[in-house]
Amino acid sequence: MTTDATRQRFLMCRPTHFAVDYAINPWMDPTAPVDADLAIRQWEQLRQTYVDLGHEVELIDPVVGLPDMVFAANGGTVIDGKAMAVQFRDPQRADEAPAYRAWFEAAGFEMYDPKHVNEGEGDVLLAGDHLLAGTGFRTAHASHAQLQEVFGYPVVTMQLVDPRFYHLDTALTVLDERTVAYLPEAFSPGSQAVLRRLFPDAIHATMADAEVLGLNAVSDGRHVVLPAQATDLAAKLRDRGYQTIGIDLSELRKAGGGPKCCTLRLRQGKAVK
């Protein structure tokens, strides 16, 4: 059984300057052509889908020379009106951090600065009463203690082991407060055991769906927005009572991003149903 849809507030960044000019994950090939206009049209479909579902979408201005700024989920972690800024592992993305921090501060969030490499909601997912925190490729394990101190939720470390799934949100999606979907092979044996204990009714994705970033999805508790190519996962979700909306973000996938990568949740307290 699924929960009711919960109205969300999201932050997004138009991919005005999108390109694949460097390679910092296995998806990126600077020699492959990228259609920037198509990327914008696909992103706009995603934004409009959220609006049509009744969600609020805020926009941050894109910055010239920051082609990955479209992946707003990496810009911070926002829970209960508190915003933790980010520190990127790779120098190519470093200048995104102050741009997002300035937006959070102007929006009135209580700000916290990271003490270690922390790539925001790409690696930090609120699942019920726990924060699932990824590590292994980007966000430093040492950052997890600070997350717990700032937000006051128990933090559960998730060890990622496959470089294709370099952020937690490429290997796991939170569907509602009780249910997640994930790719078991993306996690260490210990993390798999923890996931089985925490979420015994979880949906297991296939590698085929994970390889089209099917788990890089956004759920409001009833509707799940996911890559259109993740057909098996969509069928499993519908079998559980969720309503699925497939979006083609194939151009943005060339940089390793999907719907969730483009979408940062702005949690100011209890969401409105």
Protein backbone atom coordinates (compact mmCIF):
# COMPACT_ATOMS: atom_id res chain seq x y z
CA MET A 1 0.00 0.00 0.00
CA THR A 2 1.29 3.45 -0.87
CA THR A 3 0.90 6.61 1.16
CA ASP A 4 -0.91 9.75 0.07
CA ALA A 5 0.91 12.15 -2.21
CA THR A 6 2.73 14.84 -0.27
CA ARG A 7 3.16 18.26 -1.83
CA GLN A 8 6.84 19.01 -2.28
CA ARG A 9 8.99 22.08 -2.73
CA PHE A 10 11.88 21.53 -5.11
CA LEU A 11 14.93 23.48 -6.25
CA MET A 12 16.05 23.05 -9.86
CA CYS A 13 18.57 24.64 -12.24
CA ARG A 14 17.91 25.04 -15.96
CA PRO A 15 20.67 23.32 -18.00
CA THR A 16 21.42 26.48 -19.97
CA HIS A 17 25.15 25.74 -19.99
CA PHE A 18 24.95 21.94 -20.02
CA ALA A 19 27.85 20.12 -21.67
CA VAL A 20 30.12 17.15 -21.07
CA ASP A 21 33.51 18.84 -21.10
CA TYR A 22 35.25 16.51 -18.62
CA ALA A 23 34.87 13.03 -17.14
CA ILE A 24 34.43 12.65 -13.39
CA ASN A 25 32.25 9.53 -13.48
CA PRO A 26 31.95 6.49 -15.80
CA TRP A 27 28.96 7.94 -17.65
CA MET A 28 30.83 10.96 -18.99
CA ASP A 29 32.58 10.89 -22.37
CA PRO A 30 33.77 14.34 -23.54
CA THR A 31 34.24 12.97 -27.07
CA ALA A 32 30.56 12.03 -27.46
CA PRO A 33 28.18 14.65 -28.91
CA VAL A 34 25.70 16.36 -26.61
CA ASP A 35 22.55 18.13 -27.79
CA ALA A 36 22.21 21.01 -25.33
CA ASP A 37 18.88 22.14 -26.75
CA LEU A 38 17.44 18.65 -26.31
CA ALA A 39 18.75 18.56 -22.76
CA ILE A 40 16.85 21.77 -22.01
CA ARG A 41 13.64 20.42 -23.55
CA GLN A 42 13.90 17.19 -21.56
CA TRP A 43 14.61 19.10 -18.35
CA GLU A 44 11.64 21.38 -19.01
CA GLN A 45 9.39 18.34 -19.31
CA LEU A 46 10.61 17.21 -15.90
CA ARG A 47 9.97 20.63 -14.36
CA GLN A 48 6.49 20.84 -15.90
CA THR A 49 5.67 17.35 -14.62
CA TYR A 50 6.33 18.49 -11.06
CA VAL A 51 4.18 21.58 -11.56
CA ASP A 52 1.36 19.49 -13.03
CA LEU A 53 1.50 17.22 -9.97
CA GLY A 54 0.99 20.24 -7.73
CA HIS A 55 4.54 20.64 -6.47
CA GLU A 56 6.32 23.97 -6.06
CA VAL A 57 9.48 24.43 -8.12
CA GLU A 58 12.04 27.08 -7.23
CA LEU A 59 14.83 27.94 -9.67
CA ILE A 60 18.45 28.88 -9.12
CA ASP A 61 20.19 30.84 -11.86
CA PRO A 62 22.67 28.75 -13.87
CA VAL A 63 26.27 29.97 -13.90
CA VAL A 64 28.42 30.11 -17.03
CA GLY A 65 31.20 27.52 -16.93
CA LEU A 66 29.36 25.16 -14.55
CA PRO A 67 27.80 22.56 -16.88
CA ASP A 68 26.84 20.19 -14.04
CA MET A 69 24.97 22.82 -12.04
CA VAL A 70 21.76 21.36 -13.46
CA PHE A 71 22.22 18.52 -10.97
CA ALA A 72 20.70 20.49 -8.11
CA ALA A 73 20.48 17.50 -5.76
CA ASN A 74 24.23 17.85 -5.22
CA GLY A 75 23.86 21.47 -4.13
CA GLY A 76 22.96 20.78 -0.51
CA THR A 77 20.87 18.91 2.03
CA VAL A 78 17.77 20.69 3.36
CA ILE A 79 15.73 19.24 6.24
CA ASP A 80 13.45 20.98 8.74
CA GLY A 81 14.50 24.42 7.58
CA LYS A 82 18.21 23.69 7.98
CA ALA A 83 20.52 23.65 4.97
CA MET A 84 23.94 22.05 4.90
CA ALA A 85 26.10 23.41 2.12
CA VAL A 86 28.37 21.12 0.11
CA GLN A 87 32.00 20.50 -0.63
CA PHE A 88 32.62 18.73 -3.93
CA ARG A 89 35.27 16.10 -4.42
CA ASP A 90 36.16 17.27 -7.92
CA PRO A 91 37.53 20.75 -8.70
CA GLN A 92 35.39 20.97 -11.84
CA ARG A 93 32.29 21.33 -9.67
CA ALA A 94 33.74 23.30 -6.77
CA ASP A 95 32.27 26.66 -7.80
CA GLU A 96 28.74 25.26 -7.66
CA ALA A 97 28.95 25.10 -3.87
CA PRO A 98 29.01 28.85 -3.13
CA ALA A 99 26.29 29.50 -5.72
CA TYR A 100 23.92 27.06 -3.99
CA ARG A 101 24.95 28.25 -0.54
CA ALA A 102 24.09 31.83 -1.47
CA TRP A 103 20.67 30.71 -2.71
CA PHE A 104 19.88 28.87 0.54
CA GLU A 105 20.99 31.83 2.62
CA ALA A 106 18.88 34.27 0.59
CA ALA A 107 15.91 31.91 0.95
CA GLY A 108 16.18 32.11 4.72
CA PHE A 109 17.44 28.64 5.61
CA GLU A 110 19.57 28.10 8.71
CA MET A 111 22.99 27.46 7.21
CA TYR A 112 25.68 24.93 8.10
CA ASP A 113 28.99 24.51 6.31
CA PRO A 114 30.49 21.06 5.68
CA LYS A 115 33.65 19.96 7.45
CA HIS A 116 34.37 17.23 4.90
CA VAL A 117 33.56 16.34 1.29
CA ASN A 118 29.77 16.16 1.13
CA GLU A 119 27.81 16.13 -2.14
CA GLY A 120 24.41 16.91 -0.73
CA GLU A 121 21.27 14.98 -1.45
CA GLY A 122 23.10 12.96 -4.05
CA ASP A 123 24.42 10.96 -1.10
CA VAL A 124 22.00 11.90 1.70
CA LEU A 125 18.42 10.61 1.56
CA LEU A 126 15.82 10.99 4.30
CA ALA A 127 13.94 7.71 4.68
CA GLY A 128 11.36 7.88 7.43
CA ASP A 129 13.26 8.43 10.69
CA HIS A 130 16.70 7.69 9.25
CA LEU A 131 19.19 9.50 7.07
CA LEU A 132 20.73 7.09 4.59
CA ALA A 133 24.20 8.44 3.79
CA GLY A 134 26.27 7.13 0.90
CA THR A 135 30.04 6.88 0.79
CA GLY A 136 32.67 5.12 -1.27
CA PHE A 137 33.09 7.43 -4.25
CA ARG A 138 32.08 11.00 -3.42
CA THR A 139 30.81 11.97 0.04
CA ALA A 140 33.37 11.26 2.77
CA HIS A 141 32.40 8.87 5.54
CA ALA A 142 33.63 11.45 8.04
CA SER A 143 30.80 13.77 6.98
CA HIS A 144 28.14 11.42 8.31
CA ALA A 145 28.75 12.39 11.95
CA GLN A 146 28.19 16.05 11.12
CA LEU A 147 24.94 15.21 9.30
CA GLN A 148 23.64 13.54 12.45
CA GLU A 149 24.64 16.46 14.65
CA VAL A 150 23.06 19.06 12.36
CA PHE A 151 19.81 17.33 11.49
CA GLY A 152 19.22 15.14 14.54
CA TYR A 153 18.33 12.00 12.60
CA PRO A 154 20.14 8.68 13.05
CA VAL A 155 22.54 8.32 10.13
CA VAL A 156 22.96 4.94 8.47
CA THR A 157 26.09 4.61 6.35
CA MET A 158 25.61 3.02 2.93
CA GLN A 159 28.82 1.73 1.33
CA LEU A 160 28.69 2.01 -2.47
CA VAL A 161 30.89 -0.40 -4.43
CA ASP A 162 30.11 0.10 -8.15
CA PRO A 163 31.59 3.28 -9.71
CA ARG A 164 28.67 3.55 -12.14
CA PHE A 165 26.49 4.20 -9.11
CA TYR A 166 28.73 6.80 -7.57
CA HIS A 167 26.04 8.63 -5.60
CA LEU A 168 23.47 6.98 -3.34
CA ASP A 169 20.63 8.45 -5.39
CA THR A 170 21.75 6.47 -8.44
CA ALA A 171 21.38 3.18 -6.53
CA LEU A 172 18.43 3.79 -4.21
CA THR A 173 15.24 5.80 -4.24
CA VAL A 174 12.99 6.57 -1.27
CA LEU A 175 9.37 5.88 -2.24
CA ASP A 176 7.67 6.83 1.03
CA GLU A 177 8.47 6.77 4.74
CA ARG A 178 8.47 2.97 4.84
CA THR A 179 9.58 1.81 1.41
CA VAL A 180 12.62 2.12 -0.83
CA ALA A 181 13.73 0.63 -4.11
CA TYR A 182 17.39 -0.21 -4.66
CA LEU A 183 19.95 -2.21 -6.58
CA PRO A 184 21.50 -4.72 -4.16
CA GLU A 185 24.68 -5.14 -6.22
CA ALA A 186 25.51 -1.45 -5.83
CA PHE A 187 26.13 -1.92 -2.08
CA SER A 188 28.63 -3.75 0.08
CA PRO A 189 27.44 -6.99 1.74
CA GLY A 190 27.09 -5.24 5.08
CA SER A 191 25.05 -2.41 3.63
CA GLN A 192 22.84 -4.91 1.83
CA ALA A 193 22.19 -6.61 5.17
CA VAL A 194 21.28 -3.29 6.76
CA LEU A 195 18.88 -2.45 3.93
CA ARG A 196 17.18 -5.83 4.29
CA ARG A 197 16.75 -5.18 8.01
CA LEU A 198 15.46 -1.63 7.65
CA PHE A 199 13.30 -2.20 4.58
CA PRO A 200 12.14 -5.82 4.41
CA ASP A 201 9.49 -4.90 1.82
CA ALA A 202 11.84 -2.99 -0.46
CA ILE A 203 11.63 -3.24 -4.23
CA HIS A 204 14.77 -4.67 -5.83
CA ALA A 205 15.69 -3.15 -9.17
CA THR A 206 17.39 -5.06 -11.97
CA MET A 207 20.79 -4.10 -13.27
CA ALA A 208 19.18 -3.26 -16.62
CA ASP A 209 17.00 -0.60 -15.02
CA ALA A 210 19.83 0.72 -12.87
CA GLU A 211 21.97 1.11 -15.99
CA VAL A 212 19.48 3.62 -17.38
CA LEU A 213 19.50 5.39 -13.97
CA GLY A 214 16.03 4.07 -13.22
CA LEU A 215 16.63 4.42 -9.49
CA ASN A 216 17.42 8.11 -9.88
CA ALA A 217 13.74 8.75 -9.30
CA VAL A 218 11.55 11.19 -7.36
CA SER A 219 8.52 10.05 -5.35
CA ASP A 220 5.90 12.11 -3.55
CA GLY A 221 4.52 9.00 -1.88
CA ARG A 222 2.08 8.18 -4.66
CA HIS A 223 3.60 9.35 -7.94
CA VAL A 224 7.07 8.21 -8.97
CA VAL A 225 8.87 10.20 -11.66
CA LEU A 226 11.60 8.05 -13.18
CA PRO A 227 13.50 7.59 -16.44
CA ALA A 228 11.17 6.35 -19.18
CA GLN A 229 13.62 3.59 -20.11
CA ALA A 230 13.29 1.87 -16.70
CA THR A 231 10.32 -0.22 -17.75
CA ASP A 232 10.73 -3.23 -15.43
CA LEU A 233 11.09 -1.01 -12.37
CA ALA A 234 8.04 0.99 -13.42
CA ALA A 235 6.02 -2.23 -13.64
CA LYS A 236 7.14 -3.28 -10.15
CA LEU A 237 6.17 0.11 -8.78
CA ARG A 238 2.74 -0.06 -10.35
CA ASP A 239 2.26 -3.53 -8.89
CA ARG A 240 2.80 -1.94 -5.46
CA GLY A 241 0.19 0.74 -6.15
CA TYR A 242 2.40 3.64 -7.16
CA GLN A 243 1.60 5.76 -10.20
CA THR A 244 4.64 6.04 -12.48
CA ILE A 245 5.54 8.88 -14.83
CA GLY A 246 8.34 8.17 -17.27
CA ILE A 247 10.56 11.06 -18.38
CA ASP A 248 13.23 10.85 -21.07
CA LEU A 249 16.39 12.50 -19.73
CA SER A 250 18.74 10.68 -22.09
CA GLU A 251 20.88 13.76 -22.79
CA LEU A 252 21.45 14.50 -19.12
CA ARG A 253 22.24 10.82 -18.56
CA LYS A 254 25.36 11.42 -20.66
CA ALA A 255 26.70 13.24 -17.59
CA GLY A 256 25.40 10.59 -15.18
CA GLY A 257 22.19 12.34 -14.15
CA GLY A 258 18.48 11.55 -14.03
CA PRO A 259 15.33 13.06 -12.50
CA LYS A 260 16.56 12.94 -8.89
CA CYS A 261 19.92 14.46 -9.76
CA CYS A 262 18.04 17.45 -11.17
CA THR A 263 15.85 17.82 -8.11
CA LEU A 264 16.68 19.02 -4.58
CA ARG A 265 13.97 18.76 -1.92
CA LEU A 266 13.52 21.88 0.19
CA ARG A 267 12.12 20.62 3.48
CA GLN A 268 11.02 23.43 5.78
CA GLY A 269 9.23 21.24 8.31
CA LYS A 270 6.26 18.95 8.04
CA ALA A 271 5.20 18.71 4.42
CA VAL A 272 1.60 19.45 3.48
CA LYS A 273 -0.51 16.56 2.16
